Amino acid sequence: MAHPPAETHACAERSRLLLFVGPGLRPEGELGALLARSGWRCLWLAGAEAALLSAAHARFDALVMQAEAGGGPPARQIEALRQALACPVL
């Protein structure tokens, strides 16, 4: 039985990569399992500096980070991440 080329197969079942940034945002347990079943692979990094460095190594489909008035990252840091990662920030 012939199999389709790996390239075609990979495109048809492409998973998405979601980057979580911040100490309280690690997707664990039920959330991680739900995302995996939905085709999302997740990476968690503790801070924005590591997230900026990750831009050279992966293409993310979205970035999830906590941004609160007075407690979250400054707007310039969020914009730098959005530009470096070239993906939506949630």
PDB file of N, CA and C in Angstrom:
ATOM      1  N   MET A   1       0.831  -1.165   0.000  1.00  0.00           N
ATOM      2  CA  MET A   1       0.000   0.000   0.000  1.00  0.00           C
ATOM      3  C   MET A   1       0.886   1.242   0.000  1.00  0.00           C
ATOM      4  N   ALA A   2       0.629   2.157  -0.892  1.00  0.00           N
ATOM      5  CA  ALA A   2       1.426   3.381  -0.999  1.00  0.00           C
ATOM      6  C   ALA A   2       0.984   4.391   0.057  1.00  0.00           C
ATOM      7  N   HIS A   3       1.960   5.088   0.592  1.00  0.00           N
ATOM      8  CA  HIS A   3       1.688   6.147   1.574  1.00  0.00           C
ATOM      9  C   HIS A   3       1.911   7.494   0.907  1.00  0.00           C
ATOM     10  N   PRO A   4       1.145   8.508   1.297  1.00  0.00           N
ATOM     11  CA  PRO A   4       1.376   9.830   0.727  1.00  0.00           C
ATOM     12  C   PRO A   4       2.737  10.352   1.175  1.00  0.00           C
ATOM     13  N   PRO A   5       3.325  11.244   0.396  1.00  0.00           N
ATOM     14  CA  PRO A   5       4.612  11.813   0.815  1.00  0.00           C
ATOM     15  C   PRO A   5       4.488  12.423   2.211  1.00  0.00           C
ATOM     16  N   ALA A   6       5.543  12.349   2.992  1.00  0.00           N
ATOM     17  CA  ALA A   6       5.529  12.874   4.359  1.00  0.00           C
ATOM     18  C   ALA A   6       5.141  14.337   4.378  1.00  0.00           C
ATOM     19  N   GLU A   7       5.580  15.090   3.400  1.00  0.00           N
ATOM     20  CA  GLU A   7       5.294  16.516   3.337  1.00  0.00           C
ATOM     21  C   GLU A   7       3.783  16.763   3.258  1.00  0.00           C
ATOM     22  N   THR A   8       3.088  16.020   2.425  1.00  0.00           N
ATOM     23  CA  THR A   8       1.641  16.161   2.289  1.00  0.00           C
ATOM     24  C   THR A   8       0.945  15.765   3.578  1.00  0.00           C
ATOM     25  N   HIS A   9       1.363  14.656   4.162  1.00  0.00           N
ATOM     26  CA  HIS A   9       0.770  14.165   5.395  1.00  0.00           C
ATOM     27  C   HIS A   9       0.962  15.179   6.529  1.00  0.00           C
ATOM     28  N   ALA A  10       2.145  15.764   6.645  1.00  0.00           N
ATOM     29  CA  ALA A  10       2.438  16.720   7.708  1.00  0.00           C
ATOM     30  C   ALA A  10       1.576  17.972   7.570  1.00  0.00           C
ATOM     31  N   CYS A  11       1.347  18.427   6.364  1.00  0.00           N
ATOM     32  CA  CYS A  11       0.535  19.625   6.163  1.00  0.00           C
ATOM     33  C   CYS A  11      -0.918  19.369   6.542  1.00  0.00           C
ATOM     34  N   ALA A  12      -1.413  18.187   6.232  1.00  0.00           N
ATOM     35  CA  ALA A  12      -2.807  17.866   6.505  1.00  0.00           C
ATOM     36  C   ALA A  12      -3.082  17.778   8.006  1.00  0.00           C
ATOM     37  N   GLU A  13      -2.103  17.362   8.786  1.00  0.00           N
ATOM     38  CA  GLU A  13      -2.301  17.177  10.212  1.00  0.00           C
ATOM     39  C   GLU A  13      -1.403  18.095  11.031  1.00  0.00           C
ATOM     40  N   ARG A  14      -1.117  19.260  10.524  1.00  0.00           N
ATOM     41  CA  ARG A  14      -0.213  20.192  11.196  1.00  0.00           C
ATOM     42  C   ARG A  14      -0.761  20.605  12.553  1.00  0.00           C
ATOM     43  N   SER A  15       0.039  20.434  13.566  1.00  0.00           N
ATOM     44  CA  SER A  15      -0.378  20.894  14.885  1.00  0.00           C
ATOM     45  C   SER A  15       0.029  22.361  15.033  1.00  0.00           C
ATOM     46  N   ARG A  16      -0.561  22.994  15.995  1.00  0.00           N
ATOM     47  CA  ARG A  16      -0.275  24.401  16.237  1.00  0.00           C
ATOM     48  C   ARG A  16       0.559  24.512  17.510  1.00  0.00           C
ATOM     49  N   LEU A  17       1.371  25.557  17.579  1.00  0.00           N
ATOM     50  CA  LEU A  17       2.270  25.735  18.715  1.00  0.00           C
ATOM     51  C   LEU A  17       1.882  26.991  19.488  1.00  0.00           C
ATOM     52  N   LEU A  18       1.576  26.815  20.754  1.00  0.00           N
ATOM     53  CA  LEU A  18       1.129  27.875  21.630  1.00  0.00           C
ATOM     54  C   LEU A  18       2.204  28.124  22.680  1.00  0.00           C
ATOM     55  N   LEU A  19       2.612  29.375  22.828  1.00  0.00           N
ATOM     56  CA  LEU A  19       3.641  29.737  23.798  1.00  0.00           C
ATOM     57  C   LEU A  19       2.989  30.428  24.995  1.00  0.00           C
ATOM     58  N   PHE A  20       3.170  29.856  26.178  1.00  0.00           N
ATOM     59  CA  PHE A  20       2.706  30.463  27.424  1.00  0.00           C
ATOM     60  C   PHE A  20       3.905  31.114  28.089  1.00  0.00           C
ATOM     61  N   VAL A  21       3.768  32.374  28.493  1.00  0.00           N
ATOM     62  CA  VAL A  21       4.873  33.094  29.136  1.00  0.00           C
ATOM     63  C   VAL A  21       4.388  33.652  30.471  1.00  0.00           C
ATOM     64  N   GLY A  22       5.084  33.293  31.524  1.00  0.00           N
ATOM     65  CA  GLY A  22       4.772  33.824  32.846  1.00  0.00           C
ATOM     66  C   GLY A  22       4.689  32.733  33.886  1.00  0.00           C
ATOM     67  N   PRO A  23       4.972  33.088  35.121  1.00  0.00           N
ATOM     68  CA  PRO A  23       5.042  32.103  36.188  1.00  0.00           C
ATOM     69  C   PRO A  23       3.733  31.386  36.484  1.00  0.00           C
ATOM     70  N   GLY A  24       2.600  32.011  36.302  1.00  0.00           N
ATOM     71  CA  GLY A  24       1.340  31.373  36.648  1.00  0.00           C
ATOM     72  C   GLY A  24       0.573  30.809  35.475  1.00  0.00           C
ATOM     73  N   LEU A  25       1.208  30.677  34.323  1.00  0.00           N
ATOM     74  CA  LEU A  25       0.488  30.288  33.116  1.00  0.00           C
ATOM     75  C   LEU A  25       0.850  28.924  32.553  1.00  0.00           C
ATOM     76  N   ARG A  26       1.546  28.119  33.293  1.00  0.00           N
ATOM     77  CA  ARG A  26       1.949  26.797  32.796  1.00  0.00           C
ATOM     78  C   ARG A  26       0.717  25.913  32.581  1.00  0.00           C
ATOM     79  N   PRO A  27       0.488  25.446  31.335  1.00  0.00           N
ATOM     80  CA  PRO A  27      -0.687  24.605  31.071  1.00  0.00           C
ATOM     81  C   PRO A  27      -0.457  23.172  31.555  1.00  0.00           C
ATOM     82  N   GLU A  28      -1.094  22.820  32.656  1.00  0.00           N
ATOM     83  CA  GLU A  28      -0.902  21.495  33.240  1.00  0.00           C
ATOM     84  C   GLU A  28      -2.219  20.748  33.305  1.00  0.00           C
ATOM     85  N   GLY A  29      -2.128  19.481  33.569  1.00  0.00           N
ATOM     86  CA  GLY A  29      -3.295  18.659  33.830  1.00  0.00           C
ATOM     87  C   GLY A  29      -4.309  18.661  32.716  1.00  0.00           C
ATOM     88  N   GLU A  30      -5.542  18.912  33.097  1.00  0.00           N
ATOM     89  CA  GLU A  30      -6.660  18.831  32.155  1.00  0.00           C
ATOM     90  C   GLU A  30      -6.528  19.821  31.008  1.00  0.00           C
ATOM     91  N   LEU A  31      -6.043  21.033  31.289  1.00  0.00           N
ATOM     92  CA  LEU A  31      -5.875  22.021  30.217  1.00  0.00           C
ATOM     93  C   LEU A  31      -4.864  21.542  29.184  1.00  0.00           C
ATOM     94  N   GLY A  32      -3.727  21.032  29.638  1.00  0.00           N
ATOM     95  CA  GLY A  32      -2.719  20.513  28.714  1.00  0.00           C
ATOM     96  C   GLY A  32      -3.245  19.372  27.866  1.00  0.00           C
ATOM     97  N   ALA A  33      -3.996  18.472  28.484  1.00  0.00           N
ATOM     98  CA  ALA A  33      -4.565  17.332  27.754  1.00  0.00           C
ATOM     99  C   ALA A  33      -5.598  17.796  26.736  1.00  0.00           C
ATOM    100  N   LEU A  34      -6.426  18.749  27.116  1.00  0.00           N
ATOM    101  CA  LEU A  34      -7.439  19.281  26.203  1.00  0.00           C
ATOM    102  C   LEU A  34      -6.788  19.961  25.001  1.00  0.00           C
ATOM    103  N   LEU A  35      -5.775  20.757  25.247  1.00  0.00           N
ATOM    104  CA  LEU A  35      -5.074  21.418  24.147  1.00  0.00           C
ATOM    105  C   LEU A  35      -4.428  20.391  23.223  1.00  0.00           C
ATOM    106  N   ALA A  36      -3.823  19.366  23.779  1.00  0.00           N
ATOM    107  CA  ALA A  36      -3.172  18.321  22.976  1.00  0.00           C
ATOM    108  C   ALA A  36      -4.186  17.591  22.102  1.00  0.00           C
ATOM    109  N   ARG A  37      -5.341  17.263  22.672  1.00  0.00           N
ATOM    110  CA  ARG A  37      -6.378  16.591  21.887  1.00  0.00           C
ATOM    111  C   ARG A  37      -6.902  17.474  20.760  1.00  0.00           C
ATOM    112  N   SER A  38      -6.812  18.778  20.940  1.00  0.00           N
ATOM    113  CA  SER A  38      -7.286  19.724  19.930  1.00  0.00           C
ATOM    114  C   SER A  38      -6.209  20.071  18.899  1.00  0.00           C
ATOM    115  N   GLY A  39      -5.035  19.458  19.021  1.00  0.00           N
ATOM    116  CA  GLY A  39      -3.973  19.689  18.047  1.00  0.00           C
ATOM    117  C   GLY A  39      -3.010  20.808  18.412  1.00  0.00           C
ATOM    118  N   TRP A  40      -3.037  21.245  19.661  1.00  0.00           N
ATOM    119  CA  TRP A  40      -2.125  22.302  20.105  1.00  0.00           C
ATOM    120  C   TRP A  40      -0.967  21.690  20.877  1.00  0.00           C
ATOM    121  N   ARG A  41       0.246  22.044  20.475  1.00  0.00           N
ATOM    122  CA  ARG A  41       1.432  21.736  21.278  1.00  0.00           C
ATOM    123  C   ARG A  41       1.719  22.988  22.077  1.00  0.00           C
ATOM    124  N   CYS A  42       2.185  22.830  23.306  1.00  0.00           N
ATOM    125  CA  CYS A  42       2.393  23.980  24.187  1.00  0.00           C
ATOM    126  C   CYS A  42       3.828  24.017  24.693  1.00  0.00           C
ATOM    127  N   LEU A  43       4.321  25.233  24.808  1.00  0.00           N
ATOM    128  CA  LEU A  43       5.627  25.478  25.411  1.00  0.00           C
ATOM    129  C   LEU A  43       5.420  26.535  26.473  1.00  0.00           C
ATOM    130  N   TRP A  44       5.987  26.323  27.649  1.00  0.00           N
ATOM    131  CA  TRP A  44       5.893  27.295  28.720  1.00  0.00           C
ATOM    132  C   TRP A  44       7.284  27.828  29.016  1.00  0.00           C
ATOM    133  N   LEU A  45       7.399  29.142  29.104  1.00  0.00           N
ATOM    134  CA  LEU A  45       8.646  29.793  29.484  1.00  0.00           C
ATOM    135  C   LEU A  45       8.341  30.755  30.624  1.00  0.00           C
ATOM    136  N   ALA A  46       9.283  30.887  31.553  1.00  0.00           N
ATOM    137  CA  ALA A  46       9.045  31.664  32.766  1.00  0.00           C
ATOM    138  C   ALA A  46       8.979  33.172  32.534  1.00  0.00           C
ATOM    139  N   GLY A  47       9.698  33.674  31.523  1.00  0.00           N
ATOM    140  CA  GLY A  47       9.730  35.123  31.356  1.00  0.00           C
ATOM    141  C   GLY A  47       9.858  35.584  29.919  1.00  0.00           C
ATOM    142  N   ALA A  48       9.686  36.886  29.737  1.00  0.00           N
ATOM    143  CA  ALA A  48       9.707  37.488  28.414  1.00  0.00           C
ATOM    144  C   ALA A  48      11.073  37.380  27.737  1.00  0.00           C
ATOM    145  N   GLU A  49      12.144  37.417  28.514  1.00  0.00           N
ATOM    146  CA  GLU A  49      13.483  37.328  27.926  1.00  0.00           C
ATOM    147  C   GLU A  49      13.672  35.989  27.217  1.00  0.00           C
ATOM    148  N   ALA A  50      13.271  34.916  27.878  1.00  0.00           N
ATOM    149  CA  ALA A  50      13.368  33.587  27.264  1.00  0.00           C
ATOM    150  C   ALA A  50      12.462  33.482  26.044  1.00  0.00           C
ATOM    151  N   ALA A  51      11.297  34.112  26.113  1.00  0.00           N
ATOM    152  CA  ALA A  51      10.373  34.087  24.979  1.00  0.00           C
ATOM    153  C   ALA A  51      10.976  34.802  23.766  1.00  0.00           C
ATOM    154  N   LEU A  52      11.639  35.910  23.993  1.00  0.00           N
ATOM    155  CA  LEU A  52      12.303  36.619  22.886  1.00  0.00           C
ATOM    156  C   LEU A  52      13.375  35.742  22.246  1.00  0.00           C
ATOM    157  N   LEU A  53      14.136  35.035  23.056  1.00  0.00           N
ATOM    158  CA  LEU A  53      15.172  34.141  22.524  1.00  0.00           C
ATOM    159  C   LEU A  53      14.567  32.981  21.735  1.00  0.00           C
ATOM    160  N   SER A  54      13.375  32.537  22.129  1.00  0.00           N
ATOM    161  CA  SER A  54      12.743  31.400  21.460  1.00  0.00           C
ATOM    162  C   SER A  54      12.320  31.717  20.031  1.00  0.00           C
ATOM    163  N   ALA A  55      12.200  32.988  19.702  1.00  0.00           N
ATOM    164  CA  ALA A  55      11.766  33.392  18.350  1.00  0.00           C
ATOM    165  C   ALA A  55      12.706  32.864  17.269  1.00  0.00           C
ATOM    166  N   ALA A  56      13.965  32.669  17.610  1.00  0.00           N
ATOM    167  CA  ALA A  56      14.936  32.172  16.636  1.00  0.00           C
ATOM    168  C   ALA A  56      14.830  30.661  16.424  1.00  0.00           C
ATOM    169  N   HIS A  57      14.070  29.980  17.269  1.00  0.00           N
ATOM    170  CA  HIS A  57      14.052  28.518  17.233  1.00  0.00           C
ATOM    171  C   HIS A  57      12.709  27.882  16.896  1.00  0.00           C
ATOM    172  N   ALA A  58      11.646  28.667  16.909  1.00  0.00           N
ATOM    173  CA  ALA A  58      10.327  28.091  16.655  1.00  0.00           C
ATOM    174  C   ALA A  58       9.400  29.145  16.063  1.00  0.00           C
ATOM    175  N   ARG A  59       8.384  28.673  15.373  1.00  0.00           N
ATOM    176  CA  ARG A  59       7.340  29.545  14.842  1.00  0.00           C
ATOM    177  C   ARG A  59       6.077  29.268  15.639  1.00  0.00           C
ATOM    178  N   PHE A  60       5.649  30.254  16.406  1.00  0.00           N
ATOM    179  CA  PHE A  60       4.489  30.098  17.272  1.00  0.00           C
ATOM    180  C   PHE A  60       3.240  30.603  16.574  1.00  0.00           C
ATOM    181  N   ASP A  61       2.124  29.958  16.879  1.00  0.00           N
ATOM    182  CA  ASP A  61       0.843  30.386  16.324  1.00  0.00           C
ATOM    183  C   ASP A  61       0.172  31.419  17.212  1.00  0.00           C
ATOM    184  N   ALA A  62       0.491  31.423  18.487  1.00  0.00           N
ATOM    185  CA  ALA A  62      -0.056  32.415  19.411  1.00  0.00           C
ATOM    186  C   ALA A  62       0.780  32.439  20.684  1.00  0.00           C
ATOM    187  N   LEU A  63       0.740  33.583  21.339  1.00  0.00           N
ATOM    188  CA  LEU A  63       1.436  33.803  22.606  1.00  0.00           C
ATOM    189  C   LEU A  63       0.382  34.116  23.660  1.00  0.00           C
ATOM    190  N   VAL A  64       0.442  33.428  24.803  1.00  0.00           N
ATOM    191  CA  VAL A  64      -0.468  33.680  25.918  1.00  0.00           C
ATOM    192  C   VAL A  64       0.370  34.204  27.071  1.00  0.00           C
ATOM    193  N   MET A  65       0.015  35.392  27.541  1.00  0.00           N
ATOM    194  CA  MET A  65       0.707  35.948  28.701  1.00  0.00           C
ATOM    195  C   MET A  65      -0.271  36.780  29.508  1.00  0.00           C
ATOM    196  N   GLN A  66       0.026  36.930  30.774  1.00  0.00           N
ATOM    197  CA  GLN A  66      -0.833  37.703  31.651  1.00  0.00           C
ATOM    198  C   GLN A  66      -0.359  39.146  31.643  1.00  0.00           C
ATOM    199  N   ALA A  67      -1.254  40.042  31.314  1.00  0.00           N
ATOM    200  CA  ALA A  67      -0.934  41.466  31.297  1.00  0.00           C
ATOM    201  C   ALA A  67      -1.955  42.181  32.167  1.00  0.00           C
ATOM    202  N   GLU A  68      -1.499  42.625  33.316  1.00  0.00           N
ATOM    203  CA  GLU A  68      -2.380  43.312  34.256  1.00  0.00           C
ATOM    204  C   GLU A  68      -1.889  44.726  34.461  1.00  0.00           C
ATOM    205  N   ALA A  69      -2.802  45.600  34.731  1.00  0.00           N
ATOM    206  CA  ALA A  69      -2.427  46.970  35.064  1.00  0.00           C
ATOM    207  C   ALA A  69      -1.628  46.946  36.360  1.00  0.00           C
ATOM    208  N   GLY A  70      -0.423  47.446  36.313  1.00  0.00           N
ATOM    209  CA  GLY A  70       0.414  47.526  37.496  1.00  0.00           C
ATOM    210  C   GLY A  70       1.180  46.263  37.852  1.00  0.00           C
ATOM    211  N   GLY A  71       0.832  45.104  37.255  1.00  0.00           N
ATOM    212  CA  GLY A  71       1.524  43.881  37.647  1.00  0.00           C
ATOM    213  C   GLY A  71       2.075  43.078  36.497  1.00  0.00           C
ATOM    214  N   GLY A  72       1.708  43.429  35.286  1.00  0.00           N
ATOM    215  CA  GLY A  72       2.155  42.678  34.124  1.00  0.00           C
ATOM    216  C   GLY A  72       3.344  43.343  33.449  1.00  0.00           C
ATOM    217  N   PRO A  73       3.754  42.780  32.327  1.00  0.00           N
ATOM    218  CA  PRO A  73       4.884  43.357  31.599  1.00  0.00           C
ATOM    219  C   PRO A  73       4.511  44.700  30.984  1.00  0.00           C
ATOM    220  N   PRO A  74       5.487  45.573  30.801  1.00  0.00           N
ATOM    221  CA  PRO A  74       5.208  46.865  30.174  1.00  0.00           C
ATOM    222  C   PRO A  74       4.753  46.683  28.721  1.00  0.00           C
ATOM    223  N   ALA A  75       3.992  47.636  28.235  1.00  0.00           N
ATOM    224  CA  ALA A  75       3.453  47.564  26.869  1.00  0.00           C
ATOM    225  C   ALA A  75       4.562  47.405  25.837  1.00  0.00           C
ATOM    226  N   ARG A  76       5.704  48.056  26.026  1.00  0.00           N
ATOM    227  CA  ARG A  76       6.805  47.948  25.044  1.00  0.00           C
ATOM    228  C   ARG A  76       7.354  46.525  24.988  1.00  0.00           C
ATOM    229  N   GLN A  77       7.340  45.825  26.112  1.00  0.00           N
ATOM    230  CA  GLN A  77       7.814  44.436  26.131  1.00  0.00           C
ATOM    231  C   GLN A  77       6.817  43.518  25.414  1.00  0.00           C
ATOM    232  N   ILE A  78       5.539  43.753  25.611  1.00  0.00           N
ATOM    233  CA  ILE A  78       4.514  42.966  24.919  1.00  0.00           C
ATOM    234  C   ILE A  78       4.619  43.194  23.413  1.00  0.00           C
ATOM    235  N   GLU A  79       4.803  44.437  22.997  1.00  0.00           N
ATOM    236  CA  GLU A  79       4.931  44.747  21.566  1.00  0.00           C
ATOM    237  C   GLU A  79       6.203  44.131  20.991  1.00  0.00           C
ATOM    238  N   ALA A  80       7.295  44.149  21.727  1.00  0.00           N
ATOM    239  CA  ALA A  80       8.541  43.531  21.258  1.00  0.00           C
ATOM    240  C   ALA A  80       8.341  42.028  21.049  1.00  0.00           C
ATOM    241  N   LEU A  81       7.626  41.374  21.962  1.00  0.00           N
ATOM    242  CA  LEU A  81       7.338  39.950  21.810  1.00  0.00           C
ATOM    243  C   LEU A  81       6.458  39.700  20.595  1.00  0.00           C
ATOM    244  N   ARG A  82       5.429  40.505  20.423  1.00  0.00           N
ATOM    245  CA  ARG A  82       4.529  40.333  19.282  1.00  0.00           C
ATOM    246  C   ARG A  82       5.292  40.445  17.969  1.00  0.00           C
ATOM    247  N   GLN A  83       6.181  41.417  17.879  1.00  0.00           N
ATOM    248  CA  GLN A  83       6.947  41.596  16.649  1.00  0.00           C
ATOM    249  C   GLN A  83       7.965  40.479  16.450  1.00  0.00           C
ATOM    250  N   ALA A  84       8.678  40.109  17.492  1.00  0.00           N
ATOM    251  CA  ALA A  84       9.708  39.072  17.375  1.00  0.00           C
ATOM    252  C   ALA A  84       9.105  37.715  17.040  1.00  0.00           C
ATOM    253  N   LEU A  85       7.970  37.394  17.659  1.00  0.00           N
ATOM    254  CA  LEU A  85       7.348  36.084  17.455  1.00  0.00           C
ATOM    255  C   LEU A  85       6.410  36.062  16.250  1.00  0.00           C
ATOM    256  N   ALA A  86       6.018  37.232  15.778  1.00  0.00           N
ATOM    257  CA  ALA A  86       5.138  37.361  14.610  1.00  0.00           C
ATOM    258  C   ALA A  86       3.872  36.510  14.761  1.00  0.00           C
ATOM    259  N   CYS A  87       3.232  36.654  15.911  1.00  0.00           N
ATOM    260  CA  CYS A  87       1.991  35.913  16.158  1.00  0.00           C
ATOM    261  C   CYS A  87       1.085  36.758  17.051  1.00  0.00           C
ATOM    262  N   PRO A  88      -0.185  36.390  17.117  1.00  0.00           N
ATOM    263  CA  PRO A  88      -1.097  37.121  17.994  1.00  0.00           C
ATOM    264  C   PRO A  88      -0.739  36.933  19.468  1.00  0.00           C
ATOM    265  N   VAL A  89      -1.014  37.959  20.266  1.00  0.00           N
ATOM    266  CA  VAL A  89      -0.816  37.897  21.702  1.00  0.00           C
ATOM    267  C   VAL A  89      -2.188  37.809  22.352  1.00  0.00           C
ATOM    268  N   LEU A  90      -2.378  36.782  23.165  1.00  0.00           N
ATOM    269  CA  LEU A  90      -3.657  36.595  23.848  1.00  0.00           C
ATOM    270  C   LEU A  90      -3.527  36.899  25.323  1.00  0.00           C
TER     271      LEU A  90
END
